[in-house]
Every structure is written in C-alpha cells, then in structure tokens.
Amino acid sequence: TSGRMDAYSPILIEKCGLTGMIGKGGRSAAVVD
C-alpha cells in the first residue's frame, strides 16, 4: 500500500528527481501535487 510512503514521496520527487513510483492504492494530494 503506497499511502505509507506519502509523507516521503513529495520530498524525493522534488529534491531527487524521482519520476516513477509503483504500488497499490491511492496517493495523497501532496504526492499528486
């Protein structure tokens, strides 16, 4: 379940240039933003 990574994903996307994630279930508004 991807929701457990929602607190961390926005930082990795912005600071590290992460472009893809694979999991199951929805994501938070902060991740989508």
All heavy atoms as atom14 arrays in JSON, in Angstrom:
{
  "sequence": "TSGRMDAYSPILIEKCGLTGMIGKGGRSAAVVD",
  "atom14_mask": [
    [1, 1, 1, 1, 1, 1, 1, 0, 0, 0, 0, 0, 0, 0],
    [1, 1, 1, 1, 1, 1, 0, 0, 0, 0, 0, 0, 0, 0],
    [1, 1, 1, 1, 0, 0, 0, 0, 0, 0, 0, 0, 0, 0],
    [1, 1, 1, 1, 1, 1, 1, 1, 1, 1, 1, 0, 0, 0],
    [1, 1, 1, 1, 1, 1, 1, 1, 0, 0, 0, 0, 0, 0],
    [1, 1, 1, 1, 1, 1, 1, 1, 0, 0, 0, 0, 0, 0],
    [1, 1, 1, 1, 1, 0, 0, 0, 0, 0, 0, 0, 0, 0],
    [1, 1, 1, 1, 1, 1, 1, 1, 1, 1, 1, 1, 0, 0],
    [1, 1, 1, 1, 1, 1, 0, 0, 0, 0, 0, 0, 0, 0],
    [1, 1, 1, 1, 1, 1, 1, 0, 0, 0, 0, 0, 0, 0],
    [1, 1, 1, 1, 1, 1, 1, 1, 0, 0, 0, 0, 0, 0],
    [1, 1, 1, 1, 1, 1, 1, 1, 0, 0, 0, 0, 0, 0],
    [1, 1, 1, 1, 1, 1, 1, 1, 0, 0, 0, 0, 0, 0],
    [1, 1, 1, 1, 1, 1, 1, 1, 1, 0, 0, 0, 0, 0],
    [1, 1, 1, 1, 1, 1, 1, 1, 1, 0, 0, 0, 0, 0],
    [1, 1, 1, 1, 1, 1, 0, 0, 0, 0, 0, 0, 0, 0],
    [1, 1, 1, 1, 0, 0, 0, 0, 0, 0, 0, 0, 0, 0],
    [1, 1, 1, 1, 1, 1, 1, 1, 0, 0, 0, 0, 0, 0],
    [1, 1, 1, 1, 1, 1, 1, 0, 0, 0, 0, 0, 0, 0],
    [1, 1, 1, 1, 0, 0, 0, 0, 0, 0, 0, 0, 0, 0],
    [1, 1, 1, 1, 1, 1, 1, 1, 0, 0, 0, 0, 0, 0],
    [1, 1, 1, 1, 1, 1, 1, 1, 0, 0, 0, 0, 0, 0],
    [1, 1, 1, 1, 0, 0, 0, 0, 0, 0, 0, 0, 0, 0],
    [1, 1, 1, 1, 1, 1, 1, 1, 1, 0, 0, 0, 0, 0],
    [1, 1, 1, 1, 0, 0, 0, 0, 0, 0, 0, 0, 0, 0],
    [1, 1, 1, 1, 0, 0, 0, 0, 0, 0, 0, 0, 0, 0],
    [1, 1, 1, 1, 1, 1, 1, 1, 1, 1, 1, 0, 0, 0],
    [1, 1, 1, 1, 1, 1, 0, 0, 0, 0, 0, 0, 0, 0],
    [1, 1, 1, 1, 1, 0, 0, 0, 0, 0, 0, 0, 0, 0],
    [1, 1, 1, 1, 1, 0, 0, 0, 0, 0, 0, 0, 0, 0],
    [1, 1, 1, 1, 1, 1, 1, 0, 0, 0, 0, 0, 0, 0],
    [1, 1, 1, 1, 1, 1, 1, 0, 0, 0, 0, 0, 0, 0],
    [1, 1, 1, 1, 1, 1, 1, 1, 0, 0, 0, 0, 0, 0]
  ],
  "atom14_positions": [
    [[0.84, -1.19, 0.0], [0.0, 0.0, 0.0], [0.88, 1.25, 0.0], [1.73, 1.43, 0.87], [-0.93, -0.01, 1.22], [-1.71, -1.22, 1.17], [-1.86, 1.2, 1.23], [0.0, 0.0, 0.0], [0.0, 0.0, 0.0], [0.0, 0.0, 0.0], [0.0, 0.0, 0.0], [0.0, 0.0, 0.0], [0.0, 0.0, 0.0], [0.0, 0.0, 0.0]],
    [[0.66, 2.09, -0.98], [1.54, 3.25, -1.21], [1.35, 4.38, -0.23], [2.26, 5.19, -0.05], [1.31, 3.77, -2.64], [1.56, 2.74, -3.55], [0.0, 0.0, 0.0], [0.0, 0.0, 0.0], [0.0, 0.0, 0.0], [0.0, 0.0, 0.0], [0.0, 0.0, 0.0], [0.0, 0.0, 0.0], [0.0, 0.0, 0.0], [0.0, 0.0, 0.0]],
    [[0.22, 4.45, 0.42], [-0.05, 5.55, 1.34], [0.99, 5.7, 2.43], [1.21, 6.8, 2.94], [0.0, 0.0, 0.0], [0.0, 0.0, 0.0], [0.0, 0.0, 0.0], [0.0, 0.0, 0.0], [0.0, 0.0, 0.0], [0.0, 0.0, 0.0], [0.0, 0.0, 0.0], [0.0, 0.0, 0.0], [0.0, 0.0, 0.0], [0.0, 0.0, 0.0]],
    [[1.66, 4.61, 2.8], [2.68, 4.69, 3.85], [3.9, 5.49, 3.39], [4.7, 5.92, 4.21], [3.09, 3.28, 4.29], [1.97, 2.56, 5.01], [2.47, 1.35, 5.77], [3.21, 0.42, 4.96], [2.68, -0.65, 4.36], [1.4, -0.9, 4.47], [3.44, -1.46, 3.67], [0.0, 0.0, 0.0], [0.0, 0.0, 0.0], [0.0, 0.0, 0.0]],
    [[4.06, 5.69, 2.1], [5.19, 6.47, 1.58], [4.8, 7.92, 1.29], [5.64, 8.71, 0.87], [5.75, 5.82, 0.31], [6.72, 4.67, 0.53], [6.19, 3.31, 1.57], [5.03, 2.44, 0.53], [0.0, 0.0, 0.0], [0.0, 0.0, 0.0], [0.0, 0.0, 0.0], [0.0, 0.0, 0.0], [0.0, 0.0, 0.0], [0.0, 0.0, 0.0]],
    [[3.55, 8.27, 1.51], [3.07, 9.61, 1.15], [3.79, 10.74, 1.88], [3.92, 11.83, 1.34], [1.56, 9.72, 1.36], [0.75, 9.06, 0.26], [1.35, 8.51, -0.7], [-0.49, 9.09, 0.34], [0.0, 0.0, 0.0], [0.0, 0.0, 0.0], [0.0, 0.0, 0.0], [0.0, 0.0, 0.0], [0.0, 0.0, 0.0], [0.0, 0.0, 0.0]],
    [[4.27, 10.5, 3.08], [4.99, 11.54, 3.82], [6.37, 11.81, 3.2], [6.94, 12.88, 3.41], [5.15, 11.13, 5.28], [0.0, 0.0, 0.0], [0.0, 0.0, 0.0], [0.0, 0.0, 0.0], [0.0, 0.0, 0.0], [0.0, 0.0, 0.0], [0.0, 0.0, 0.0], [0.0, 0.0, 0.0], [0.0, 0.0, 0.0], [0.0, 0.0, 0.0]],
    [[6.89, 10.85, 2.44], [8.25, 10.95, 1.92], [8.33, 11.2, 0.41], [9.29, 11.8, -0.06], [9.01, 9.65, 2.24], [8.88, 9.23, 3.68], [8.13, 8.12, 4.04], [9.5, 9.95, 4.7], [8.0, 7.74, 5.37], [9.38, 9.57, 6.03], [8.62, 8.47, 6.36], [8.5, 8.09, 7.67], [0.0, 0.0, 0.0], [0.0, 0.0, 0.0]],
    [[7.36, 10.71, -0.33], [7.42, 10.8, -1.79], [7.57, 12.22, -2.33], [8.38, 12.43, -3.23], [6.2, 10.11, -2.42], [6.24, 8.72, -2.2], [0.0, 0.0, 0.0], [0.0, 0.0, 0.0], [0.0, 0.0, 0.0], [0.0, 0.0, 0.0], [0.0, 0.0, 0.0], [0.0, 0.0, 0.0], [0.0, 0.0, 0.0], [0.0, 0.0, 0.0]],
    [[6.81, 13.21, -1.82], [6.98, 14.56, -2.38], [8.41, 15.09, -2.27], [8.91, 15.74, -3.18], [6.02, 15.42, -1.56], [4.96, 14.47, -1.1], [5.72, 13.18, -0.84], [0.0, 0.0, 0.0], [0.0, 0.0, 0.0], [0.0, 0.0, 0.0], [0.0, 0.0, 0.0], [0.0, 0.0, 0.0], [0.0, 0.0, 0.0], [0.0, 0.0, 0.0]],
    [[9.09, 14.76, -1.18], [10.48, 15.21, -0.99], [11.39, 14.55, -2.01], [12.25, 15.2, -2.61], [10.93, 14.9, 0.46], [10.09, 15.69, 1.45], [12.42, 15.19, 0.65], [10.15, 15.18, 2.87], [0.0, 0.0, 0.0], [0.0, 0.0, 0.0], [0.0, 0.0, 0.0], [0.0, 0.0, 0.0], [0.0, 0.0, 0.0], [0.0, 0.0, 0.0]],
    [[11.21, 13.24, -2.22], [12.06, 12.52, -3.18], [11.81, 12.97, -4.61], [12.73, 13.02, -5.43], [11.86, 11.01, -3.03], [12.24, 10.43, -1.67], [11.98, 8.93, -1.64], [13.69, 10.74, -1.31], [0.0, 0.0, 0.0], [0.0, 0.0, 0.0], [0.0, 0.0, 0.0], [0.0, 0.0, 0.0], [0.0, 0.0, 0.0], [0.0, 0.0, 0.0]],
    [[10.57, 13.31, -4.92], [10.24, 13.82, -6.25], [10.9, 15.18, -6.47], [11.57, 15.4, -7.48], [8.71, 13.9, -6.45], [8.09, 12.5, -6.47], [8.36, 14.68, -7.72], [6.57, 12.49, -6.35], [0.0, 0.0, 0.0], [0.0, 0.0, 0.0], [0.0, 0.0, 0.0], [0.0, 0.0, 0.0], [0.0, 0.0, 0.0], [0.0, 0.0, 0.0]],
    [[10.73, 16.08, -5.5], [11.25, 17.44, -5.65], [12.77, 17.51, -5.52], [13.45, 18.1, -6.37], [10.62, 18.36, -4.6], [11.15, 19.78, -4.67], [10.51, 20.72, -3.67], [9.59, 20.32, -2.93], [10.95, 21.88, -3.64], [0.0, 0.0, 0.0], [0.0, 0.0, 0.0], [0.0, 0.0, 0.0], [0.0, 0.0, 0.0], [0.0, 0.0, 0.0]],
    [[13.33, 16.92, -4.49], [14.75, 17.08, -4.21], [15.66, 16.14, -5.01], [16.81, 16.47, -5.26], [15.03, 16.85, -2.72], [14.26, 17.76, -1.79], [14.81, 19.14, -1.78], [14.07, 19.97, -0.73], [14.22, 21.38, -0.95], [0.0, 0.0, 0.0], [0.0, 0.0, 0.0], [0.0, 0.0, 0.0], [0.0, 0.0, 0.0], [0.0, 0.0, 0.0]],
    [[15.12, 14.98, -5.4], [15.97, 13.96, -6.04], [15.62, 13.72, -7.5], [16.37, 13.05, -8.2], [15.86, 12.64, -5.29], [16.37, 12.77, -3.57], [0.0, 0.0, 0.0], [0.0, 0.0, 0.0], [0.0, 0.0, 0.0], [0.0, 0.0, 0.0], [0.0, 0.0, 0.0], [0.0, 0.0, 0.0], [0.0, 0.0, 0.0], [0.0, 0.0, 0.0]],
    [[14.46, 14.21, -7.97], [14.08, 13.98, -9.35], [13.47, 12.61, -9.61], [13.48, 12.14, -10.75], [0.0, 0.0, 0.0], [0.0, 0.0, 0.0], [0.0, 0.0, 0.0], [0.0, 0.0, 0.0], [0.0, 0.0, 0.0], [0.0, 0.0, 0.0], [0.0, 0.0, 0.0], [0.0, 0.0, 0.0], [0.0, 0.0, 0.0], [0.0, 0.0, 0.0]],
    [[12.93, 11.98, -8.56], [12.23, 10.71, -8.73], [11.07, 10.91, -9.7], [10.3, 11.85, -9.55], [11.7, 10.22, -7.37], [10.93, 8.91, -7.37], [11.85, 7.74, -7.66], [10.23, 8.72, -6.02], [0.0, 0.0, 0.0], [0.0, 0.0, 0.0], [0.0, 0.0, 0.0], [0.0, 0.0, 0.0], [0.0, 0.0, 0.0], [0.0, 0.0, 0.0]],
    [[10.96, 10.05, -10.7], [9.92, 10.24, -11.73], [8.88, 9.14, -11.77], [7.87, 9.29, -12.46], [10.55, 10.36, -13.12], [11.43, 9.25, -13.31], [11.29, 11.67, -13.29], [0.0, 0.0, 0.0], [0.0, 0.0, 0.0], [0.0, 0.0, 0.0], [0.0, 0.0, 0.0], [0.0, 0.0, 0.0], [0.0, 0.0, 0.0], [0.0, 0.0, 0.0]],
    [[9.09, 8.06, -11.04], [8.11, 6.98, -11.07], [8.01, 6.25, -9.76], [9.01, 6.08, -9.04], [0.0, 0.0, 0.0], [0.0, 0.0, 0.0], [0.0, 0.0, 0.0], [0.0, 0.0, 0.0], [0.0, 0.0, 0.0], [0.0, 0.0, 0.0], [0.0, 0.0, 0.0], [0.0, 0.0, 0.0], [0.0, 0.0, 0.0], [0.0, 0.0, 0.0]],
    [[6.8, 5.82, -9.44], [6.54, 5.02, -8.25], [5.59, 3.91, -8.66], [4.72, 4.13, -9.5], [5.92, 5.88, -7.15], [6.82, 7.03, -6.68], [5.89, 8.38, -5.9], [5.1, 9.14, -7.31], [0.0, 0.0, 0.0], [0.0, 0.0, 0.0], [0.0, 0.0, 0.0], [0.0, 0.0, 0.0], [0.0, 0.0, 0.0], [0.0, 0.0, 0.0]],
    [[5.75, 2.74, -8.04], [4.89, 1.6, -8.32], [4.34, 1.1, -6.99], [5.1, 0.88, -6.04], [5.67, 0.44, -8.99], [6.33, 0.89, -10.28], [4.74, -0.75, -9.22], [7.33, -0.12, -10.85], [0.0, 0.0, 0.0], [0.0, 0.0, 0.0], [0.0, 0.0, 0.0], [0.0, 0.0, 0.0], [0.0, 0.0, 0.0], [0.0, 0.0, 0.0]],
    [[3.03, 0.91, -6.93], [2.43, 0.39, -5.71], [0.98, 0.03, -5.94], [0.57, -0.28, -7.06], [0.0, 0.0, 0.0], [0.0, 0.0, 0.0], [0.0, 0.0, 0.0], [0.0, 0.0, 0.0], [0.0, 0.0, 0.0], [0.0, 0.0, 0.0], [0.0, 0.0, 0.0], [0.0, 0.0, 0.0], [0.0, 0.0, 0.0], [0.0, 0.0, 0.0]],
    [[0.21, 0.09, -4.86], [-1.23, -0.12, -4.96], [-1.92, 0.87, -4.05], [-1.38, 1.3, -3.04], [-1.61, -1.56, -4.63], [-1.41, -1.95, -3.19], [-1.85, -3.38, -2.94], [-1.66, -3.72, -1.47], [-2.05, -5.08, -1.16], [0.0, 0.0, 0.0], [0.0, 0.0, 0.0], [0.0, 0.0, 0.0], [0.0, 0.0, 0.0], [0.0, 0.0, 0.0]],
    [[-3.12, 1.26, -4.45], [-3.9, 2.22, -3.67], [-3.63, 3.65, -4.07], [-2.66, 3.95, -4.76], [0.0, 0.0, 0.0], [0.0, 0.0, 0.0], [0.0, 0.0, 0.0], [0.0, 0.0, 0.0], [0.0, 0.0, 0.0], [0.0, 0.0, 0.0], [0.0, 0.0, 0.0], [0.0, 0.0, 0.0], [0.0, 0.0, 0.0], [0.0, 0.0, 0.0]],
    [[-4.51, 4.54, -3.63], [-4.42, 5.96, -3.98], [-3.25, 6.65, -3.3], [-2.56, 6.08, -2.46], [0.0, 0.0, 0.0], [0.0, 0.0, 0.0], [0.0, 0.0, 0.0], [0.0, 0.0, 0.0], [0.0, 0.0, 0.0], [0.0, 0.0, 0.0], [0.0, 0.0, 0.0], [0.0, 0.0, 0.0], [0.0, 0.0, 0.0], [0.0, 0.0, 0.0]],
    [[-3.04, 7.9, -3.7], [-1.96, 8.74, -3.15], [-2.57, 10.03, -2.62], [-3.63, 10.47, -3.04], [-0.92, 9.07, -4.23], [-0.29, 7.88, -4.95], [0.34, 6.83, -4.04], [1.37, 7.31, -3.14], [2.65, 7.43, -3.43], [3.09, 7.1, -4.63], [3.51, 7.85, -2.53], [0.0, 0.0, 0.0], [0.0, 0.0, 0.0], [0.0, 0.0, 0.0]],
    [[-1.85, 10.66, -1.7], [-2.33, 11.9, -1.09], [-2.27, 13.07, -2.06], [-1.56, 13.02, -3.08], [-1.48, 12.23, 0.15], [-0.18, 12.64, -0.25], [0.0, 0.0, 0.0], [0.0, 0.0, 0.0], [0.0, 0.0, 0.0], [0.0, 0.0, 0.0], [0.0, 0.0, 0.0], [0.0, 0.0, 0.0], [0.0, 0.0, 0.0], [0.0, 0.0, 0.0]],
    [[-2.97, 14.12, -1.71], [-2.96, 15.34, -2.53], [-1.54, 15.91, -2.64], [-1.16, 16.42, -3.7], [-3.91, 16.38, -1.94], [0.0, 0.0, 0.0], [0.0, 0.0, 0.0], [0.0, 0.0, 0.0], [0.0, 0.0, 0.0], [0.0, 0.0, 0.0], [0.0, 0.0, 0.0], [0.0, 0.0, 0.0], [0.0, 0.0, 0.0], [0.0, 0.0, 0.0]],
    [[-0.75, 15.81, -1.57], [0.63, 16.34, -1.6], [1.49, 15.58, -2.61], [2.3, 16.18, -3.32], [1.25, 16.29, -0.21], [0.0, 0.0, 0.0], [0.0, 0.0, 0.0], [0.0, 0.0, 0.0], [0.0, 0.0, 0.0], [0.0, 0.0, 0.0], [0.0, 0.0, 0.0], [0.0, 0.0, 0.0], [0.0, 0.0, 0.0], [0.0, 0.0, 0.0]],
    [[1.31, 14.27, -2.68], [2.07, 13.47, -3.65], [1.65, 13.85, -5.07], [2.49, 14.08, -5.94], [1.89, 11.96, -3.41], [2.56, 11.15, -4.52], [2.45, 11.55, -2.06], [0.0, 0.0, 0.0], [0.0, 0.0, 0.0], [0.0, 0.0, 0.0], [0.0, 0.0, 0.0], [0.0, 0.0, 0.0], [0.0, 0.0, 0.0], [0.0, 0.0, 0.0]],
    [[0.35, 13.92, -5.3], [-0.15, 14.24, -6.65], [0.31, 15.63, -7.05], [0.72, 15.85, -8.2], [-1.69, 14.09, -6.72], [-2.21, 14.56, -8.07], [-2.09, 12.64, -6.45], [0.0, 0.0, 0.0], [0.0, 0.0, 0.0], [0.0, 0.0, 0.0], [0.0, 0.0, 0.0], [0.0, 0.0, 0.0], [0.0, 0.0, 0.0], [0.0, 0.0, 0.0]],
    [[0.31, 16.58, -6.13], [0.78, 17.93, -6.45], [2.25, 17.91, -6.86], [2.64, 18.55, -7.85], [0.58, 18.86, -5.25], [1.05, 20.27, -5.53], [0.51, 20.9, -6.48], [1.98, 20.75, -4.84], [0.0, 0.0, 0.0], [0.0, 0.0, 0.0], [0.0, 0.0, 0.0], [0.0, 0.0, 0.0], [0.0, 0.0, 0.0], [0.0, 0.0, 0.0]]
  ]
}
